[in-house]
Amino acid sequence: MGGGNGQKAKMARERNMEKNKAAKGSQLETNKKAMSIQCKVCMQTFMCTTTEVKCREHAEAKHPKSDVYQCFPHLKK
């Protein structure tokens, strides 16, 4: 016959364990790839999830003489 819920659950657990084994290790490479926004004046990198507000704060604090769009050209729309 087909096997009960206990067997199906066991198989699912084993499959999930195999998937999770591959994910172990350092996230440094993933974090480096996520740093996709870069200030063009000082070349500081920011996470891809950084908001426009944070970019403006950086530009105003670090580069008061430069325009925000000079630091972050991707903000121009």
PDB file of N, CA and C in Angstrom:
ATOM      1  N   MET A   1       0.825  -1.194   0.000  1.00  0.00           N
ATOM      2  CA  MET A   1       0.000   0.000   0.000  1.00  0.00           C
ATOM      3  C   MET A   1       0.861   1.245   0.000  1.00  0.00           C
ATOM      4  N   GLY A   2       0.220   2.370   0.137  1.00  0.00           N
ATOM      5  CA  GLY A   2       0.854   3.657  -0.078  1.00  0.00           C
ATOM      6  C   GLY A   2       1.655   4.209   1.073  1.00  0.00           C
ATOM      7  N   GLY A   3       1.669   3.917   2.214  1.00  0.00           N
ATOM      8  CA  GLY A   3       2.460   4.592   3.235  1.00  0.00           C
ATOM      9  C   GLY A   3       1.634   5.661   3.922  1.00  0.00           C
ATOM     10  N   GLY A   4       1.823   5.776   5.214  1.00  0.00           N
ATOM     11  CA  GLY A   4       0.990   6.692   5.987  1.00  0.00           C
ATOM     12  C   GLY A   4       1.588   8.078   6.114  1.00  0.00           C
ATOM     13  N   ASN A   5       0.907   8.880   6.895  1.00  0.00           N
ATOM     14  CA  ASN A   5       1.351  10.258   7.114  1.00  0.00           C
ATOM     15  C   ASN A   5       2.703  10.310   7.810  1.00  0.00           C
ATOM     16  N   GLY A   6       2.956   9.373   8.694  1.00  0.00           N
ATOM     17  CA  GLY A   6       4.239   9.345   9.399  1.00  0.00           C
ATOM     18  C   GLY A   6       5.405   9.169   8.436  1.00  0.00           C
ATOM     19  N   GLN A   7       5.236   8.300   7.465  1.00  0.00           N
ATOM     20  CA  GLN A   7       6.288   8.060   6.484  1.00  0.00           C
ATOM     21  C   GLN A   7       6.489   9.286   5.591  1.00  0.00           C
ATOM     22  N   LYS A   8       5.396   9.910   5.195  1.00  0.00           N
ATOM     23  CA  LYS A   8       5.491  11.106   4.362  1.00  0.00           C
ATOM     24  C   LYS A   8       6.192  12.234   5.116  1.00  0.00           C
ATOM     25  N   ALA A   9       5.869  12.386   6.387  1.00  0.00           N
ATOM     26  CA  ALA A   9       6.489  13.433   7.194  1.00  0.00           C
ATOM     27  C   ALA A   9       7.984  13.172   7.353  1.00  0.00           C
ATOM     28  N   LYS A  10       8.338  11.913   7.546  1.00  0.00           N
ATOM     29  CA  LYS A  10       9.751  11.562   7.689  1.00  0.00           C
ATOM     30  C   LYS A  10      10.512  11.877   6.401  1.00  0.00           C
ATOM     31  N   MET A  11       9.940  11.541   5.267  1.00  0.00           N
ATOM     32  CA  MET A  11      10.583  11.820   3.988  1.00  0.00           C
ATOM     33  C   MET A  11      10.735  13.333   3.772  1.00  0.00           C
ATOM     34  N   ALA A  12       9.713  14.087   4.142  1.00  0.00           N
ATOM     35  CA  ALA A  12       9.768  15.537   3.992  1.00  0.00           C
ATOM     36  C   ALA A  12      10.853  16.129   4.884  1.00  0.00           C
ATOM     37  N   ARG A  13      10.974  15.647   6.109  1.00  0.00           N
ATOM     38  CA  ARG A  13      12.025  16.107   7.021  1.00  0.00           C
ATOM     39  C   ARG A  13      13.407  15.824   6.444  1.00  0.00           C
ATOM     40  N   GLU A  14      13.592  14.637   5.890  1.00  0.00           N
ATOM     41  CA  GLU A  14      14.888  14.275   5.316  1.00  0.00           C
ATOM     42  C   GLU A  14      15.226  15.161   4.116  1.00  0.00           C
ATOM     43  N   ARG A  15      14.237  15.453   3.276  1.00  0.00           N
ATOM     44  CA  ARG A  15      14.474  16.337   2.132  1.00  0.00           C
ATOM     45  C   ARG A  15      14.848  17.732   2.600  1.00  0.00           C
ATOM     46  N   ASN A  16      14.133  18.229   3.605  1.00  0.00           N
ATOM     47  CA  ASN A  16      14.413  19.574   4.123  1.00  0.00           C
ATOM     48  C   ASN A  16      15.781  19.648   4.776  1.00  0.00           C
ATOM     49  N   MET A  17      16.205  18.584   5.428  1.00  0.00           N
ATOM     50  CA  MET A  17      17.526  18.568   6.042  1.00  0.00           C
ATOM     51  C   MET A  17      18.607  18.666   4.970  1.00  0.00           C
ATOM     52  N   GLU A  18      18.417  18.003   3.842  1.00  0.00           N
ATOM     53  CA  GLU A  18      19.385  18.059   2.755  1.00  0.00           C
ATOM     54  C   GLU A  18      19.461  19.475   2.174  1.00  0.00           C
ATOM     55  N   LYS A  19      18.315  20.142   2.045  1.00  0.00           N
ATOM     56  CA  LYS A  19      18.298  21.506   1.533  1.00  0.00           C
ATOM     57  C   LYS A  19      19.030  22.450   2.490  1.00  0.00           C
ATOM     58  N   ASN A  20      18.820  22.270   3.788  1.00  0.00           N
ATOM     59  CA  ASN A  20      19.421  23.146   4.781  1.00  0.00           C
ATOM     60  C   ASN A  20      20.920  22.938   4.910  1.00  0.00           C
ATOM     61  N   LYS A  21      21.413  21.751   4.610  1.00  0.00           N
ATOM     62  CA  LYS A  21      22.848  21.503   4.691  1.00  0.00           C
ATOM     63  C   LYS A  21      23.607  22.373   3.707  1.00  0.00           C
ATOM     64  N   ALA A  22      23.065  22.577   2.537  1.00  0.00           N
ATOM     65  CA  ALA A  22      23.734  23.373   1.518  1.00  0.00           C
ATOM     66  C   ALA A  22      23.801  24.844   1.917  1.00  0.00           C
ATOM     67  N   ALA A  23      22.876  25.309   2.731  1.00  0.00           N
ATOM     68  CA  ALA A  23      22.812  26.715   3.099  1.00  0.00           C
ATOM     69  C   ALA A  23      23.766  27.071   4.235  1.00  0.00           C
ATOM     70  N   LYS A  24      24.355  26.100   4.895  1.00  0.00           N
ATOM     71  CA  LYS A  24      25.240  26.385   6.017  1.00  0.00           C
ATOM     72  C   LYS A  24      26.508  27.054   5.527  1.00  0.00           C
ATOM     73  N   GLY A  25      27.155  27.748   6.422  1.00  0.00           N
ATOM     74  CA  GLY A  25      28.403  28.408   6.092  1.00  0.00           C
ATOM     75  C   GLY A  25      28.285  29.907   6.276  1.00  0.00           C
ATOM     76  N   SER A  26      29.251  30.595   5.765  1.00  0.00           N
ATOM     77  CA  SER A  26      29.331  32.035   5.928  1.00  0.00           C
ATOM     78  C   SER A  26      28.437  32.755   4.920  1.00  0.00           C
ATOM     79  N   GLN A  27      27.889  33.871   5.356  1.00  0.00           N
ATOM     80  CA  GLN A  27      27.051  34.686   4.475  1.00  0.00           C
ATOM     81  C   GLN A  27      27.828  35.868   3.915  1.00  0.00           C
ATOM     82  N   LEU A  28      29.132  35.880   4.072  1.00  0.00           N
ATOM     83  CA  LEU A  28      29.924  37.019   3.643  1.00  0.00           C
ATOM     84  C   LEU A  28      29.791  37.288   2.155  1.00  0.00           C
ATOM     85  N   GLU A  29      29.820  36.231   1.346  1.00  0.00           N
ATOM     86  CA  GLU A  29      29.698  36.421  -0.099  1.00  0.00           C
ATOM     87  C   GLU A  29      28.333  36.992  -0.469  1.00  0.00           C
ATOM     88  N   THR A  30      27.290  36.491   0.166  1.00  0.00           N
ATOM     89  CA  THR A  30      25.938  36.979  -0.099  1.00  0.00           C
ATOM     90  C   THR A  30      25.822  38.442   0.300  1.00  0.00           C
ATOM     91  N   ASN A  31      26.414  38.794   1.436  1.00  0.00           N
ATOM     92  CA  ASN A  31      26.365  40.179   1.899  1.00  0.00           C
ATOM     93  C   ASN A  31      27.121  41.109   0.966  1.00  0.00           C
ATOM     94  N   LYS A  32      28.244  40.652   0.422  1.00  0.00           N
ATOM     95  CA  LYS A  32      29.004  41.475  -0.516  1.00  0.00           C
ATOM     96  C   LYS A  32      28.204  41.737  -1.782  1.00  0.00           C
ATOM     97  N   LYS A  33      27.494  40.729  -2.249  1.00  0.00           N
ATOM     98  CA  LYS A  33      26.691  40.883  -3.460  1.00  0.00           C
ATOM     99  C   LYS A  33      25.528  41.849  -3.241  1.00  0.00           C
ATOM    100  N   ALA A  34      25.027  41.916  -2.002  1.00  0.00           N
ATOM    101  CA  ALA A  34      23.885  42.776  -1.692  1.00  0.00           C
ATOM    102  C   ALA A  34      24.292  44.241  -1.582  1.00  0.00           C
ATOM    103  N   MET A  35      25.583  44.521  -1.491  1.00  0.00           N
ATOM    104  CA  MET A  35      26.064  45.902  -1.375  1.00  0.00           C
ATOM    105  C   MET A  35      26.145  46.518  -2.774  1.00  0.00           C
ATOM    106  N   SER A  36      25.009  46.839  -3.340  1.00  0.00           N
ATOM    107  CA  SER A  36      24.969  47.243  -4.743  1.00  0.00           C
ATOM    108  C   SER A  36      24.847  48.746  -4.955  1.00  0.00           C
ATOM    109  N   ILE A  37      24.537  49.517  -3.911  1.00  0.00           N
ATOM    110  CA  ILE A  37      24.440  50.967  -4.048  1.00  0.00           C
ATOM    111  C   ILE A  37      25.770  51.560  -3.600  1.00  0.00           C
ATOM    112  N   GLN A  38      26.307  52.475  -4.408  1.00  0.00           N
ATOM    113  CA  GLN A  38      27.617  53.035  -4.094  1.00  0.00           C
ATOM    114  C   GLN A  38      27.599  54.547  -4.258  1.00  0.00           C
ATOM    115  N   CYS A  39      28.154  55.224  -3.260  1.00  0.00           N
ATOM    116  CA  CYS A  39      28.321  56.672  -3.340  1.00  0.00           C
ATOM    117  C   CYS A  39      29.431  56.947  -4.344  1.00  0.00           C
ATOM    118  N   LYS A  40      29.165  57.787  -5.334  1.00  0.00           N
ATOM    119  CA  LYS A  40      30.142  58.051  -6.388  1.00  0.00           C
ATOM    120  C   LYS A  40      31.252  58.989  -5.935  1.00  0.00           C
ATOM    121  N   VAL A  41      31.072  59.672  -4.805  1.00  0.00           N
ATOM    122  CA  VAL A  41      32.093  60.594  -4.319  1.00  0.00           C
ATOM    123  C   VAL A  41      33.135  59.853  -3.477  1.00  0.00           C
ATOM    124  N   CYS A  42      32.679  59.094  -2.484  1.00  0.00           N
ATOM    125  CA  CYS A  42      33.623  58.424  -1.580  1.00  0.00           C
ATOM    126  C   CYS A  42      33.694  56.920  -1.803  1.00  0.00           C
ATOM    127  N   MET A  43      32.879  56.396  -2.705  1.00  0.00           N
ATOM    128  CA  MET A  43      32.854  54.972  -3.061  1.00  0.00           C
ATOM    129  C   MET A  43      32.411  54.054  -1.915  1.00  0.00           C
ATOM    130  N   GLN A  44      31.723  54.592  -0.930  1.00  0.00           N
ATOM    131  CA  GLN A  44      31.176  53.758   0.134  1.00  0.00           C
ATOM    132  C   GLN A  44      29.992  52.985  -0.418  1.00  0.00           C
ATOM    133  N   THR A  45      29.884  51.701  -0.040  1.00  0.00           N
ATOM    134  CA  THR A  45      28.799  50.873  -0.549  1.00  0.00           C
ATOM    135  C   THR A  45      27.694  50.742   0.492  1.00  0.00           C
ATOM    136  N   PHE A  46      26.495  50.531  -0.006  1.00  0.00           N
ATOM    137  CA  PHE A  46      25.309  50.391   0.830  1.00  0.00           C
ATOM    138  C   PHE A  46      24.519  49.178   0.367  1.00  0.00           C
ATOM    139  N   MET A  47      23.756  48.599   1.274  1.00  0.00           N
ATOM    140  CA  MET A  47      22.912  47.452   0.947  1.00  0.00           C
ATOM    141  C   MET A  47      21.876  47.861  -0.094  1.00  0.00           C
ATOM    142  N   CYS A  48      21.460  46.893  -0.885  1.00  0.00           N
ATOM    143  CA  CYS A  48      20.491  47.159  -1.946  1.00  0.00           C
ATOM    144  C   CYS A  48      19.142  47.594  -1.387  1.00  0.00           C
ATOM    145  N   THR A  49      18.909  47.345  -0.103  1.00  0.00           N
ATOM    146  CA  THR A  49      17.631  47.722   0.509  1.00  0.00           C
ATOM    147  C   THR A  49      17.670  49.116   1.134  1.00  0.00           C
ATOM    148  N   THR A  50      18.792  49.822   0.975  1.00  0.00           N
ATOM    149  CA  THR A  50      18.928  51.165   1.542  1.00  0.00           C
ATOM    150  C   THR A  50      17.920  52.102   0.887  1.00  0.00           C
ATOM    151  N   THR A  51      17.256  52.887   1.719  1.00  0.00           N
ATOM    152  CA  THR A  51      16.225  53.789   1.219  1.00  0.00           C
ATOM    153  C   THR A  51      16.833  55.091   0.721  1.00  0.00           C
ATOM    154  N   GLU A  52      16.041  55.838   0.012  1.00  0.00           N
ATOM    155  CA  GLU A  52      16.469  57.142  -0.494  1.00  0.00           C
ATOM    156  C   GLU A  52      16.792  58.078   0.660  1.00  0.00           C
ATOM    157  N   VAL A  53      16.063  57.946   1.756  1.00  0.00           N
ATOM    158  CA  VAL A  53      16.288  58.791   2.936  1.00  0.00           C
ATOM    159  C   VAL A  53      17.699  58.574   3.473  1.00  0.00           C
ATOM    160  N   LYS A  54      18.121  57.331   3.567  1.00  0.00           N
ATOM    161  CA  LYS A  54      19.459  57.023   4.072  1.00  0.00           C
ATOM    162  C   LYS A  54      20.531  57.551   3.124  1.00  0.00           C
ATOM    163  N   CYS A  55      20.282  57.469   1.844  1.00  0.00           N
ATOM    164  CA  CYS A  55      21.231  58.004   0.863  1.00  0.00           C
ATOM    165  C   CYS A  55      21.353  59.516   1.023  1.00  0.00           C
ATOM    166  N   ARG A  56      20.230  60.179   1.204  1.00  0.00           N
ATOM    167  CA  ARG A  56      20.248  61.634   1.401  1.00  0.00           C
ATOM    168  C   ARG A  56      20.974  62.000   2.694  1.00  0.00           C
ATOM    169  N   GLU A  57      20.740  61.227   3.775  1.00  0.00           N
ATOM    170  CA  GLU A  57      21.429  61.489   5.042  1.00  0.00           C
ATOM    171  C   GLU A  57      22.941  61.366   4.867  1.00  0.00           C
ATOM    172  N   HIS A  58      23.375  60.348   4.142  1.00  0.00           N
ATOM    173  CA  HIS A  58      24.804  60.165   3.895  1.00  0.00           C
ATOM    174  C   HIS A  58      25.369  61.350   3.126  1.00  0.00           C
ATOM    175  N   ALA A  59      24.675  61.744   2.067  1.00  0.00           N
ATOM    176  CA  ALA A  59      25.165  62.836   1.227  1.00  0.00           C
ATOM    177  C   ALA A  59      25.247  64.148   2.009  1.00  0.00           C
ATOM    178  N   GLU A  60      24.256  64.420   2.841  1.00  0.00           N
ATOM    179  CA  GLU A  60      24.244  65.662   3.609  1.00  0.00           C
ATOM    180  C   GLU A  60      25.309  65.652   4.709  1.00  0.00           C
ATOM    181  N   ALA A  61      25.542  64.506   5.325  1.00  0.00           N
ATOM    182  CA  ALA A  61      26.501  64.416   6.424  1.00  0.00           C
ATOM    183  C   ALA A  61      27.948  64.357   5.928  1.00  0.00           C
ATOM    184  N   LYS A  62      28.199  63.577   4.898  1.00  0.00           N
ATOM    185  CA  LYS A  62      29.570  63.346   4.445  1.00  0.00           C
ATOM    186  C   LYS A  62      30.018  64.294   3.336  1.00  0.00           C
ATOM    187  N   HIS A  63      29.078  64.743   2.510  1.00  0.00           N
ATOM    188  CA  HIS A  63      29.428  65.570   1.351  1.00  0.00           C
ATOM    189  C   HIS A  63      28.501  66.788   1.271  1.00  0.00           C
ATOM    190  N   PRO A  64      28.606  67.715   2.219  1.00  0.00           N
ATOM    191  CA  PRO A  64      27.679  68.856   2.220  1.00  0.00           C
ATOM    192  C   PRO A  64      27.836  69.774   1.002  1.00  0.00           C
ATOM    193  N   LYS A  65      29.027  69.790   0.379  1.00  0.00           N
ATOM    194  CA  LYS A  65      29.239  70.650  -0.774  1.00  0.00           C
ATOM    195  C   LYS A  65      28.746  70.013  -2.065  1.00  0.00           C
ATOM    196  N   SER A  66      28.570  68.704  -2.057  1.00  0.00           N
ATOM    197  CA  SER A  66      28.130  67.990  -3.260  1.00  0.00           C
ATOM    198  C   SER A  66      26.617  67.843  -3.270  1.00  0.00           C
ATOM    199  N   ASP A  67      26.079  67.726  -4.460  1.00  0.00           N
ATOM    200  CA  ASP A  67      24.654  67.499  -4.644  1.00  0.00           C
ATOM    201  C   ASP A  67      24.342  66.034  -4.328  1.00  0.00           C
ATOM    202  N   VAL A  68      23.142  65.753  -3.842  1.00  0.00           N
ATOM    203  CA  VAL A  68      22.725  64.384  -3.534  1.00  0.00           C
ATOM    204  C   VAL A  68      22.799  63.510  -4.792  1.00  0.00           C
ATOM    205  N   TYR A  69      22.415  64.093  -5.920  1.00  0.00           N
ATOM    206  CA  TYR A  69      22.396  63.325  -7.166  1.00  0.00           C
ATOM    207  C   TYR A  69      23.798  63.083  -7.720  1.00  0.00           C
ATOM    208  N   GLN A  70      24.756  63.896  -7.281  1.00  0.00           N
ATOM    209  CA  GLN A  70      26.138  63.653  -7.662  1.00  0.00           C
ATOM    210  C   GLN A  70      26.661  62.420  -6.922  1.00  0.00           C
ATOM    211  N   CYS A  71      26.236  62.246  -5.684  1.00  0.00           N
ATOM    212  CA  CYS A  71      26.632  61.073  -4.898  1.00  0.00           C
ATOM    213  C   CYS A  71      25.906  59.816  -5.367  1.00  0.00           C
ATOM    214  N   PHE A  72      24.616  59.946  -5.585  1.00  0.00           N
ATOM    215  CA  PHE A  72      23.777  58.814  -5.941  1.00  0.00           C
ATOM    216  C   PHE A  72      22.982  59.117  -7.208  1.00  0.00           C
ATOM    217  N   PRO A  73      23.570  58.940  -8.378  1.00  0.00           N
ATOM    218  CA  PRO A  73      22.872  59.276  -9.631  1.00  0.00           C
ATOM    219  C   PRO A  73      21.611  58.441  -9.871  1.00  0.00           C
ATOM    220  N   HIS A  74      21.527  57.277  -9.241  1.00  0.00           N
ATOM    221  CA  HIS A  74      20.348  56.423  -9.467  1.00  0.00           C
ATOM    222  C   HIS A  74      19.078  57.023  -8.856  1.00  0.00           C
ATOM    223  N   LEU A  75      19.219  58.054  -8.000  1.00  0.00           N
ATOM    224  CA  LEU A  75      18.040  58.669  -7.389  1.00  0.00           C
ATOM    225  C   LEU A  75      17.324  59.608  -8.356  1.00  0.00           C
ATOM    226  N   LYS A  76      18.003  60.035  -9.407  1.00  0.00           N
ATOM    227  CA  LYS A  76      17.359  60.908 -10.403  1.00  0.00           C
ATOM    228  C   LYS A  76      16.271  60.105 -11.117  1.00  0.00           C
ATOM    229  N   LYS A  77      15.138  60.745 -11.275  1.00  0.00           N
ATOM    230  CA  LYS A  77      14.030  60.043 -11.938  1.00  0.00           C
ATOM    231  C   LYS A  77      13.462  60.901 -13.031  1.00  0.00           C
TER     232      LYS A  77
END
